[in-house]
Amino acid sequence: MTATEIPVDNGVNVEALLGVRGALAGTPEIAQFQWRSTVSWVNGTHSRSDVETFHGFGGEQQHHTTFSYDIDHPLQFAAQDNGVTPVEYVLVALGGCLTAGVAAVAQQRSIQLRSVRASVSAEMDLHGILGADPDVRNGFSGVAVSYQIDADATPEEIKALVAQSQKRSAVYDILTNPTSVTVDVS
């Protein structure tokens, strides 16, 4: 009796991703991307962000739909709690980027995932953002990501998945390395 090997399917088309990577070698200009978001004030601390287009692969691109995100502050900040806070979106982005990487790396390494859960938290002292203490920074003082992963893999293989995801994560890079940000008014 022979065992039939069941192919790994984590929902990631690794062949297509590797094809894009291969195409970049011959046409490096298609790797230059510009991601965009338009944020419009609604009322109070409530705003809405729309994401629809980006530039990449040598031209203008469009998502299949416009994605809209409400941003606000909670009732405890004398706001209306119409959406998550801007800093919570940073945590969402980090967890989403790292988790997508875990799935892609697992697919490439033929590791079947059963479940992946990332708990992302950040520490912040409000004295900074509220201007109560000029020596306290406005942003996070630390961010922690904790994974619970159930997969057909050893604990060492799972740790290697997460390490590779972290190594290739754009959001992790943005948070851990200085990034130039310019703000202007037109």
N, C-alpha and C. Protein backbone atom coordinates (compact mmCIF):
# COMPACT_ATOMS: atom_id res chain seq x y z
N MET A 1 0.85 -1.18 0.00
CA MET A 1 0.00 0.00 0.00
C MET A 1 0.89 1.23 0.00
N THR A 2 0.62 2.17 -0.87
CA THR A 2 1.40 3.40 -0.93
C THR A 2 0.57 4.56 -0.41
N ALA A 3 1.23 5.43 0.26
CA ALA A 3 0.55 6.62 0.77
C ALA A 3 0.47 7.66 -0.34
N THR A 4 -0.67 8.27 -0.44
CA THR A 4 -0.85 9.34 -1.42
C THR A 4 -0.52 10.66 -0.73
N GLU A 5 0.40 11.38 -1.31
CA GLU A 5 0.80 12.65 -0.71
C GLU A 5 -0.23 13.72 -1.06
N ILE A 6 -0.74 14.38 -0.04
CA ILE A 6 -1.70 15.45 -0.24
C ILE A 6 -0.92 16.75 -0.39
N PRO A 7 -1.17 17.49 -1.47
CA PRO A 7 -0.42 18.73 -1.67
C PRO A 7 -0.77 19.77 -0.60
N VAL A 8 0.21 20.58 -0.27
CA VAL A 8 0.01 21.66 0.69
C VAL A 8 -0.74 22.79 0.00
N ASP A 9 -1.79 23.30 0.65
CA ASP A 9 -2.54 24.42 0.09
C ASP A 9 -2.90 25.39 1.20
N ASN A 10 -2.11 26.46 1.30
CA ASN A 10 -2.38 27.52 2.26
C ASN A 10 -3.00 28.73 1.57
N GLY A 11 -3.40 28.56 0.30
CA GLY A 11 -4.05 29.64 -0.42
C GLY A 11 -3.10 30.68 -0.98
N VAL A 12 -1.82 30.36 -1.09
CA VAL A 12 -0.82 31.30 -1.62
C VAL A 12 -0.26 30.73 -2.91
N ASN A 13 -0.29 31.52 -3.97
CA ASN A 13 0.25 31.10 -5.26
C ASN A 13 1.74 31.45 -5.30
N VAL A 14 2.54 30.59 -4.73
CA VAL A 14 3.99 30.83 -4.64
C VAL A 14 4.62 30.89 -6.02
N GLU A 15 4.13 30.07 -6.93
CA GLU A 15 4.69 30.08 -8.29
C GLU A 15 4.55 31.45 -8.92
N ALA A 16 3.39 32.09 -8.75
CA ALA A 16 3.19 33.44 -9.31
C ALA A 16 4.11 34.45 -8.63
N LEU A 17 4.26 34.34 -7.31
CA LEU A 17 5.16 35.25 -6.60
C LEU A 17 6.59 35.09 -7.06
N LEU A 18 7.03 33.85 -7.24
CA LEU A 18 8.39 33.62 -7.72
C LEU A 18 8.53 34.08 -9.17
N GLY A 19 7.45 33.99 -9.95
CA GLY A 19 7.47 34.51 -11.31
C GLY A 19 7.66 36.01 -11.34
N VAL A 20 7.00 36.72 -10.44
CA VAL A 20 7.19 38.17 -10.34
C VAL A 20 8.63 38.48 -9.97
N ARG A 21 9.15 37.75 -8.98
CA ARG A 21 10.54 37.97 -8.57
C ARG A 21 11.49 37.74 -9.74
N GLY A 22 11.23 36.72 -10.54
CA GLY A 22 12.07 36.45 -11.70
C GLY A 22 11.97 37.55 -12.75
N ALA A 23 10.76 38.10 -12.94
CA ALA A 23 10.56 39.17 -13.92
C ALA A 23 11.31 40.45 -13.52
N LEU A 24 11.47 40.66 -12.23
CA LEU A 24 12.15 41.88 -11.74
C LEU A 24 13.61 41.92 -12.18
N ALA A 25 14.22 40.76 -12.35
CA ALA A 25 15.63 40.73 -12.74
C ALA A 25 15.84 41.37 -14.11
N GLY A 26 14.92 41.16 -15.03
CA GLY A 26 15.06 41.70 -16.37
C GLY A 26 14.47 43.09 -16.54
N THR A 27 13.55 43.47 -15.66
CA THR A 27 12.89 44.78 -15.75
C THR A 27 12.74 45.38 -14.36
N PRO A 28 13.84 45.86 -13.78
CA PRO A 28 13.79 46.35 -12.40
C PRO A 28 12.85 47.54 -12.20
N GLU A 29 12.54 48.28 -13.25
CA GLU A 29 11.66 49.44 -13.11
C GLU A 29 10.23 49.04 -12.70
N ILE A 30 9.81 47.82 -13.00
CA ILE A 30 8.45 47.42 -12.62
C ILE A 30 8.33 47.16 -11.11
N ALA A 31 9.45 47.14 -10.41
CA ALA A 31 9.43 46.94 -8.97
C ALA A 31 9.17 48.23 -8.20
N GLN A 32 9.15 49.36 -8.88
CA GLN A 32 8.95 50.64 -8.21
C GLN A 32 7.45 50.88 -8.02
N PHE A 33 7.03 50.89 -6.76
CA PHE A 33 5.61 51.04 -6.42
C PHE A 33 5.36 52.33 -5.66
N GLN A 34 4.16 52.83 -5.78
CA GLN A 34 3.67 53.92 -4.93
C GLN A 34 2.30 53.48 -4.41
N TRP A 35 2.22 53.31 -3.10
CA TRP A 35 0.96 52.95 -2.45
C TRP A 35 0.27 54.24 -2.04
N ARG A 36 -1.06 54.25 -2.06
CA ARG A 36 -1.81 55.49 -1.81
C ARG A 36 -3.02 55.26 -0.91
N SER A 37 -3.34 56.31 -0.20
CA SER A 37 -4.55 56.35 0.60
C SER A 37 -5.03 57.79 0.63
N THR A 38 -6.32 57.99 0.50
CA THR A 38 -6.90 59.33 0.61
C THR A 38 -7.74 59.36 1.88
N VAL A 39 -7.45 60.31 2.75
CA VAL A 39 -8.15 60.41 4.02
C VAL A 39 -8.97 61.70 4.03
N SER A 40 -10.26 61.56 4.32
CA SER A 40 -11.16 62.72 4.38
C SER A 40 -11.76 62.84 5.78
N TRP A 41 -11.71 64.05 6.30
CA TRP A 41 -12.28 64.31 7.62
C TRP A 41 -13.79 64.20 7.55
N VAL A 42 -14.42 63.56 8.54
CA VAL A 42 -15.87 63.45 8.61
C VAL A 42 -16.40 64.44 9.63
N ASN A 43 -15.96 64.31 10.89
CA ASN A 43 -16.39 65.20 11.97
C ASN A 43 -15.62 64.84 13.23
N GLY A 44 -15.31 65.82 14.04
CA GLY A 44 -14.58 65.56 15.27
C GLY A 44 -13.26 64.89 14.97
N THR A 45 -12.99 63.76 15.59
CA THR A 45 -11.76 63.01 15.30
C THR A 45 -12.00 61.88 14.31
N HIS A 46 -13.19 61.84 13.73
CA HIS A 46 -13.57 60.79 12.78
C HIS A 46 -13.15 61.18 11.36
N SER A 47 -12.46 60.29 10.70
CA SER A 47 -12.12 60.46 9.29
C SER A 47 -12.31 59.12 8.58
N ARG A 48 -12.30 59.16 7.26
CA ARG A 48 -12.45 57.94 6.48
C ARG A 48 -11.34 57.88 5.45
N SER A 49 -10.71 56.74 5.34
CA SER A 49 -9.64 56.54 4.38
C SER A 49 -10.14 55.63 3.27
N ASP A 50 -9.85 56.04 2.04
CA ASP A 50 -10.19 55.22 0.88
C ASP A 50 -8.91 54.80 0.18
N VAL A 51 -8.86 53.53 -0.20
CA VAL A 51 -7.73 52.98 -0.93
C VAL A 51 -8.30 52.38 -2.22
N GLU A 52 -7.83 52.91 -3.36
CA GLU A 52 -8.39 52.45 -4.63
C GLU A 52 -7.31 52.18 -5.68
N THR A 53 -6.32 53.07 -5.79
CA THR A 53 -5.32 52.92 -6.84
C THR A 53 -3.92 52.87 -6.27
N PHE A 54 -3.00 52.35 -7.06
CA PHE A 54 -1.58 52.37 -6.73
C PHE A 54 -0.81 52.33 -8.04
N HIS A 55 0.45 52.64 -7.96
CA HIS A 55 1.31 52.56 -9.15
C HIS A 55 2.29 51.41 -8.93
N GLY A 56 2.44 50.57 -9.93
CA GLY A 56 3.38 49.46 -9.85
C GLY A 56 3.34 48.63 -11.11
N PHE A 57 4.32 47.77 -11.27
CA PHE A 57 4.45 46.95 -12.47
C PHE A 57 4.49 47.81 -13.73
N GLY A 58 5.04 49.04 -13.58
CA GLY A 58 5.23 49.91 -14.72
C GLY A 58 4.03 50.76 -15.10
N GLY A 59 2.98 50.80 -14.29
CA GLY A 59 1.82 51.61 -14.65
C GLY A 59 0.84 51.77 -13.50
N GLU A 60 -0.23 52.49 -13.79
CA GLU A 60 -1.29 52.68 -12.79
C GLU A 60 -2.08 51.39 -12.64
N GLN A 61 -2.42 51.07 -11.41
CA GLN A 61 -3.17 49.87 -11.09
C GLN A 61 -4.38 50.25 -10.25
N GLN A 62 -5.38 49.40 -10.25
CA GLN A 62 -6.59 49.67 -9.46
C GLN A 62 -7.03 48.39 -8.77
N HIS A 63 -7.39 48.52 -7.48
CA HIS A 63 -7.99 47.40 -6.76
C HIS A 63 -9.33 47.07 -7.41
N HIS A 64 -9.85 45.88 -7.16
CA HIS A 64 -11.14 45.51 -7.76
C HIS A 64 -12.30 46.30 -7.18
N THR A 65 -12.08 46.96 -6.04
CA THR A 65 -13.08 47.81 -5.41
C THR A 65 -12.36 48.85 -4.57
N THR A 66 -13.05 49.89 -4.18
CA THR A 66 -12.48 50.87 -3.26
C THR A 66 -12.66 50.33 -1.85
N PHE A 67 -11.58 50.28 -1.10
CA PHE A 67 -11.64 49.84 0.29
C PHE A 67 -11.70 51.09 1.16
N SER A 68 -12.66 51.13 2.08
CA SER A 68 -12.83 52.28 2.97
C SER A 68 -12.64 51.86 4.42
N TYR A 69 -11.99 52.72 5.16
CA TYR A 69 -11.68 52.44 6.56
C TYR A 69 -12.03 53.66 7.40
N ASP A 70 -12.82 53.43 8.45
CA ASP A 70 -13.13 54.51 9.38
C ASP A 70 -12.06 54.58 10.45
N ILE A 71 -11.69 55.82 10.77
CA ILE A 71 -10.67 56.07 11.78
C ILE A 71 -11.26 57.04 12.80
N ASP A 72 -11.12 56.74 14.06
CA ASP A 72 -11.64 57.62 15.10
C ASP A 72 -10.90 57.33 16.40
N HIS A 73 -11.41 57.87 17.45
CA HIS A 73 -10.88 57.61 18.79
C HIS A 73 -12.03 57.11 19.65
N PRO A 74 -11.74 56.39 20.72
CA PRO A 74 -12.81 55.81 21.54
C PRO A 74 -13.55 56.86 22.37
N LEU A 75 -14.68 56.44 22.90
CA LEU A 75 -15.50 57.31 23.75
C LEU A 75 -14.69 57.88 24.92
N GLN A 76 -13.74 57.08 25.42
CA GLN A 76 -12.95 57.51 26.57
C GLN A 76 -12.07 58.72 26.24
N PHE A 77 -11.91 59.05 24.96
CA PHE A 77 -11.16 60.22 24.53
C PHE A 77 -12.09 61.33 24.07
N ALA A 78 -13.33 61.30 24.54
CA ALA A 78 -14.35 62.29 24.18
C ALA A 78 -14.60 62.30 22.68
N ALA A 79 -14.53 61.14 22.05
CA ALA A 79 -14.78 60.98 20.63
C ALA A 79 -15.98 60.05 20.45
N GLN A 80 -16.32 59.74 19.22
CA GLN A 80 -17.52 58.96 18.94
C GLN A 80 -17.28 57.47 18.69
N ASP A 81 -16.02 57.04 18.63
CA ASP A 81 -15.69 55.62 18.45
C ASP A 81 -16.29 55.04 17.16
N ASN A 82 -16.15 55.81 16.06
CA ASN A 82 -16.66 55.38 14.76
C ASN A 82 -15.69 54.48 14.00
N GLY A 83 -14.55 54.21 14.57
CA GLY A 83 -13.55 53.36 13.92
C GLY A 83 -12.38 53.16 14.86
N VAL A 84 -11.45 52.34 14.43
CA VAL A 84 -10.26 52.11 15.26
C VAL A 84 -9.36 53.33 15.19
N THR A 85 -8.47 53.43 16.17
CA THR A 85 -7.55 54.56 16.20
C THR A 85 -6.45 54.39 15.16
N PRO A 86 -5.81 55.48 14.76
CA PRO A 86 -4.70 55.36 13.81
C PRO A 86 -3.61 54.40 14.28
N VAL A 87 -3.29 54.43 15.57
CA VAL A 87 -2.23 53.54 16.06
C VAL A 87 -2.66 52.07 16.02
N GLU A 88 -3.95 51.81 16.16
CA GLU A 88 -4.43 50.43 16.05
C GLU A 88 -4.30 49.94 14.60
N TYR A 89 -4.49 50.84 13.63
CA TYR A 89 -4.27 50.45 12.23
C TYR A 89 -2.82 50.03 11.99
N VAL A 90 -1.90 50.65 12.69
CA VAL A 90 -0.49 50.26 12.56
C VAL A 90 -0.33 48.81 13.04
N LEU A 91 -0.98 48.46 14.14
CA LEU A 91 -0.91 47.09 14.66
C LEU A 91 -1.57 46.11 13.69
N VAL A 92 -2.71 46.52 13.11
CA VAL A 92 -3.39 45.69 12.11
C VAL A 92 -2.46 45.44 10.93
N ALA A 93 -1.81 46.51 10.46
CA ALA A 93 -0.91 46.38 9.30
C ALA A 93 0.26 45.45 9.61
N LEU A 94 0.86 45.60 10.78
CA LEU A 94 1.99 44.75 11.14
C LEU A 94 1.56 43.28 11.23
N GLY A 95 0.49 43.01 11.95
CA GLY A 95 0.01 41.64 12.08
C GLY A 95 -0.39 41.04 10.74
N GLY A 96 -1.03 41.84 9.89
CA GLY A 96 -1.45 41.36 8.58
C GLY A 96 -0.28 41.05 7.67
N CYS A 97 0.73 41.92 7.68
CA CYS A 97 1.90 41.71 6.83
C CYS A 97 2.69 40.48 7.28
N LEU A 98 2.93 40.37 8.58
CA LEU A 98 3.68 39.22 9.08
C LEU A 98 2.93 37.91 8.84
N THR A 99 1.61 37.92 9.04
CA THR A 99 0.83 36.71 8.87
C THR A 99 0.75 36.29 7.41
N ALA A 100 0.63 37.25 6.49
CA ALA A 100 0.68 36.92 5.06
C ALA A 100 2.01 36.28 4.72
N GLY A 101 3.08 36.80 5.32
CA GLY A 101 4.40 36.22 5.09
C GLY A 101 4.50 34.80 5.62
N VAL A 102 3.93 34.54 6.79
CA VAL A 102 3.94 33.19 7.34
C VAL A 102 3.26 32.23 6.36
N ALA A 103 2.11 32.62 5.82
CA ALA A 103 1.39 31.76 4.88
C ALA A 103 2.20 31.52 3.61
N ALA A 104 2.81 32.57 3.09
CA ALA A 104 3.59 32.43 1.85
C ALA A 104 4.82 31.55 2.06
N VAL A 105 5.53 31.78 3.15
CA VAL A 105 6.73 30.99 3.42
C VAL A 105 6.35 29.54 3.68
N ALA A 106 5.26 29.33 4.42
CA ALA A 106 4.81 27.95 4.68
C ALA A 106 4.48 27.24 3.37
N GLN A 107 3.79 27.94 2.47
CA GLN A 107 3.46 27.34 1.18
C GLN A 107 4.73 26.97 0.41
N GLN A 108 5.68 27.90 0.38
CA GLN A 108 6.93 27.66 -0.34
C GLN A 108 7.71 26.49 0.26
N ARG A 109 7.63 26.32 1.56
CA ARG A 109 8.36 25.25 2.24
C ARG A 109 7.53 23.97 2.39
N SER A 110 6.38 23.92 1.75
CA SER A 110 5.48 22.75 1.79
C SER A 110 5.06 22.40 3.20
N ILE A 111 4.71 23.42 3.97
CA ILE A 111 4.20 23.22 5.33
C ILE A 111 2.72 23.58 5.33
N GLN A 112 1.88 22.61 5.68
CA GLN A 112 0.44 22.87 5.73
C GLN A 112 0.09 23.56 7.04
N LEU A 113 -0.54 24.71 6.93
CA LEU A 113 -1.03 25.43 8.10
C LEU A 113 -2.45 24.98 8.41
N ARG A 114 -2.76 24.85 9.69
CA ARG A 114 -4.13 24.59 10.12
C ARG A 114 -4.74 25.85 10.72
N SER A 115 -3.93 26.59 11.49
CA SER A 115 -4.40 27.87 12.03
C SER A 115 -3.19 28.73 12.37
N VAL A 116 -3.40 30.02 12.21
CA VAL A 116 -2.37 31.01 12.54
C VAL A 116 -3.08 32.17 13.22
N ARG A 117 -2.59 32.53 14.39
CA ARG A 117 -3.17 33.66 15.13
C ARG A 117 -2.04 34.50 15.68
N ALA A 118 -2.07 35.78 15.33
CA ALA A 118 -1.08 36.72 15.86
C ALA A 118 -1.78 37.65 16.83
N SER A 119 -1.21 37.80 18.00
CA SER A 119 -1.67 38.80 18.97
C SER A 119 -0.64 39.92 18.94
N VAL A 120 -1.09 41.13 18.60
CA VAL A 120 -0.19 42.26 18.44
C VAL A 120 -0.59 43.32 19.45
N SER A 121 0.38 43.80 20.23
CA SER A 121 0.10 44.83 21.21
C SER A 121 1.23 45.85 21.22
N ALA A 122 0.90 47.04 21.71
CA ALA A 122 1.89 48.11 21.77
C ALA A 122 1.70 48.91 23.04
N GLU A 123 2.80 49.39 23.56
CA GLU A 123 2.79 50.22 24.76
C GLU A 123 2.90 51.68 24.36
N MET A 124 2.12 52.55 25.02
CA MET A 124 2.14 53.98 24.72
C MET A 124 1.82 54.76 25.99
N ASP A 125 2.55 55.83 26.21
CA ASP A 125 2.31 56.74 27.32
C ASP A 125 1.63 57.98 26.75
N LEU A 126 0.38 58.23 27.15
CA LEU A 126 -0.39 59.35 26.59
C LEU A 126 0.14 60.73 26.98
N HIS A 127 1.05 60.79 27.95
CA HIS A 127 1.64 62.09 28.30
C HIS A 127 2.28 62.76 27.09
N GLY A 128 2.83 61.97 26.18
CA GLY A 128 3.48 62.53 24.99
C GLY A 128 2.49 63.11 24.01
N ILE A 129 1.56 62.29 23.54
CA ILE A 129 0.62 62.73 22.51
C ILE A 129 -0.30 63.85 23.00
N LEU A 130 -0.58 63.91 24.30
CA LEU A 130 -1.42 64.96 24.85
C LEU A 130 -0.63 66.22 25.22
N GLY A 131 0.68 66.19 25.02
CA GLY A 131 1.50 67.35 25.32
C GLY A 131 1.71 67.61 26.80
N ALA A 132 1.45 66.61 27.63
CA ALA A 132 1.59 66.78 29.08
C ALA A 132 3.04 66.67 29.54
N ASP A 133 3.88 65.98 28.76
CA ASP A 133 5.30 65.83 29.11
C ASP A 133 6.11 65.80 27.82
N PRO A 134 6.89 66.87 27.58
CA PRO A 134 7.65 66.94 26.33
C PRO A 134 8.76 65.89 26.22
N ASP A 135 9.08 65.22 27.31
CA ASP A 135 10.12 64.19 27.27
C ASP A 135 9.59 62.80 26.94
N VAL A 136 8.28 62.67 26.81
CA VAL A 136 7.68 61.38 26.48
C VAL A 136 7.34 61.39 25.00
N ARG A 137 7.76 60.36 24.29
CA ARG A 137 7.49 60.32 22.84
C ARG A 137 6.00 60.15 22.58
N ASN A 138 5.57 60.60 21.42
CA ASN A 138 4.16 60.53 21.04
C ASN A 138 3.73 59.12 20.65
N GLY A 139 4.63 58.33 20.12
CA GLY A 139 4.29 57.01 19.59
C GLY A 139 4.53 55.88 20.56
N PHE A 140 4.57 54.70 19.98
CA PHE A 140 4.78 53.49 20.77
C PHE A 140 6.16 53.48 21.41
N SER A 141 6.23 52.93 22.61
CA SER A 141 7.53 52.68 23.23
C SER A 141 7.98 51.24 22.98
N GLY A 142 7.05 50.41 22.54
CA GLY A 142 7.38 49.02 22.22
C GLY A 142 6.19 48.33 21.60
N VAL A 143 6.47 47.36 20.75
CA VAL A 143 5.44 46.55 20.09
C VAL A 143 5.81 45.08 20.29
N ALA A 144 4.80 44.26 20.57
CA ALA A 144 5.02 42.83 20.75
C ALA A 144 4.07 42.05 19.85
N VAL A 145 4.60 41.03 19.19
CA VAL A 145 3.80 40.13 18.36
C VAL A 145 4.01 38.73 18.91
N SER A 146 2.91 38.05 19.19
CA SER A 146 2.98 36.68 19.70
C SER A 146 2.13 35.80 18.79
N TYR A 147 2.73 34.71 18.29
CA TYR A 147 2.04 33.80 17.38
C TYR A 147 1.64 32.52 18.06
N GLN A 148 0.46 32.02 17.68
CA GLN A 148 0.03 30.67 17.98
C GLN A 148 -0.22 30.05 16.60
N ILE A 149 0.61 29.07 16.25
CA ILE A 149 0.53 28.46 14.92
C ILE A 149 0.39 26.95 15.07
N ASP A 150 -0.64 26.42 14.41
CA ASP A 150 -0.84 24.99 14.34
C ASP A 150 -0.55 24.58 12.90
N ALA A 151 0.46 23.75 12.71
CA ALA A 151 0.89 23.38 11.37
C ALA A 151 1.54 22.00 11.39
N ASP A 152 1.64 21.42 10.21
CA ASP A 152 2.36 20.16 10.07
C ASP A 152 3.85 20.47 9.99
N ALA A 153 4.41 20.84 11.14
CA ALA A 153 5.81 21.26 11.20
C ALA A 153 6.31 21.14 12.63
N THR A 154 7.61 21.08 12.77
CA THR A 154 8.23 21.05 14.09
C THR A 154 8.22 22.47 14.67
N PRO A 155 8.39 22.60 15.98
CA PRO A 155 8.49 23.94 16.56
C PRO A 155 9.62 24.77 15.93
N GLU A 156 10.72 24.12 15.59
CA GLU A 156 11.84 24.83 14.96
C GLU A 156 11.45 25.34 13.57
N GLU A 157 10.73 24.51 12.81
CA GLU A 157 10.28 24.93 11.48
C GLU A 157 9.29 26.09 11.57
N ILE A 158 8.43 26.08 12.57
CA ILE A 158 7.47 27.16 12.76
C ILE A 158 8.20 28.45 13.12
N LYS A 159 9.17 28.36 14.01
CA LYS A 159 9.97 29.56 14.36
C LYS A 159 10.70 30.09 13.13
N ALA A 160 11.16 29.21 12.28
CA ALA A 160 11.85 29.64 11.05
C ALA A 160 10.88 30.32 10.09
N LEU A 161 9.62 29.85 10.02
CA LEU A 161 8.60 30.51 9.20
C LEU A 161 8.41 31.96 9.65
N VAL A 162 8.24 32.14 10.95
CA VAL A 162 8.01 33.47 11.50
C VAL A 162 9.24 34.35 11.29
N ALA A 163 10.42 33.81 11.48
CA ALA A 163 11.65 34.59 11.29
C ALA A 163 11.79 35.05 9.84
N GLN A 164 11.49 34.18 8.88
CA GLN A 164 11.58 34.56 7.47
C GLN A 164 10.52 35.59 7.11
N SER A 165 9.33 35.45 7.67
CA SER A 165 8.27 36.43 7.44
C SER A 165 8.69 37.80 7.96
N GLN A 166 9.26 37.82 9.15
CA GLN A 166 9.74 39.06 9.75
C GLN A 166 10.84 39.68 8.89
N LYS A 167 11.72 38.85 8.37
CA LYS A 167 12.82 39.33 7.54
C LYS A 167 12.32 40.00 6.27
N ARG A 168 11.21 39.54 5.69
CA ARG A 168 10.70 40.05 4.42
C ARG A 168 9.51 41.01 4.57
N SER A 169 9.07 41.29 5.80
CA SER A 169 7.89 42.12 6.02
C SER A 169 8.16 43.60 5.77
N ALA A 170 7.38 44.20 4.86
CA ALA A 170 7.51 45.64 4.60
C ALA A 170 7.10 46.45 5.82
N VAL A 171 6.03 46.07 6.48
CA VAL A 171 5.55 46.84 7.63
C VAL A 171 6.52 46.72 8.80
N TYR A 172 7.06 45.54 9.03
CA TYR A 172 8.08 45.39 10.08
C TYR A 172 9.26 46.31 9.78
N ASP A 173 9.69 46.35 8.52
CA ASP A 173 10.79 47.22 8.13
C ASP A 173 10.45 48.70 8.37
N ILE A 174 9.24 49.10 7.98
CA ILE A 174 8.82 50.50 8.18
C ILE A 174 8.87 50.88 9.65
N LEU A 175 8.45 49.97 10.53
CA LEU A 175 8.40 50.26 11.96
C LEU A 175 9.76 50.21 12.64
N THR A 176 10.69 49.45 12.10
CA THR A 176 11.96 49.25 12.79
C THR A 176 13.13 50.01 12.18
N ASN A 177 12.90 50.66 11.05
CA ASN A 177 13.95 51.46 10.41
C ASN A 177 13.42 52.87 10.14
N PRO A 178 14.30 53.86 10.21
CA PRO A 178 13.85 55.23 9.92
C PRO A 178 13.27 55.32 8.50
N THR A 179 12.14 55.99 8.38
CA THR A 179 11.49 56.20 7.09
C THR A 179 11.23 57.70 6.94
N SER A 180 11.65 58.24 5.82
CA SER A 180 11.43 59.66 5.56
C SER A 180 9.94 59.91 5.32
N VAL A 181 9.39 60.87 6.05
CA VAL A 181 7.99 61.25 5.89
C VAL A 181 7.96 62.77 5.68
N THR A 182 7.34 63.23 4.61
CA THR A 182 7.18 64.66 4.39
C THR A 182 5.70 64.99 4.46
N VAL A 183 5.39 66.14 5.01
CA VAL A 183 4.01 66.60 5.12
C VAL A 183 3.99 68.01 4.56
N ASP A 184 3.08 68.28 3.61
CA ASP A 184 2.97 69.63 3.08
C ASP A 184 1.50 70.01 2.98
N VAL A 185 1.23 71.27 2.72
CA VAL A 185 -0.12 71.78 2.57
C VAL A 185 -0.18 72.46 1.22
N SER A 186 -1.18 72.10 0.41
CA SER A 186 -1.31 72.76 -0.88
C SER A 186 -2.63 73.49 -1.01
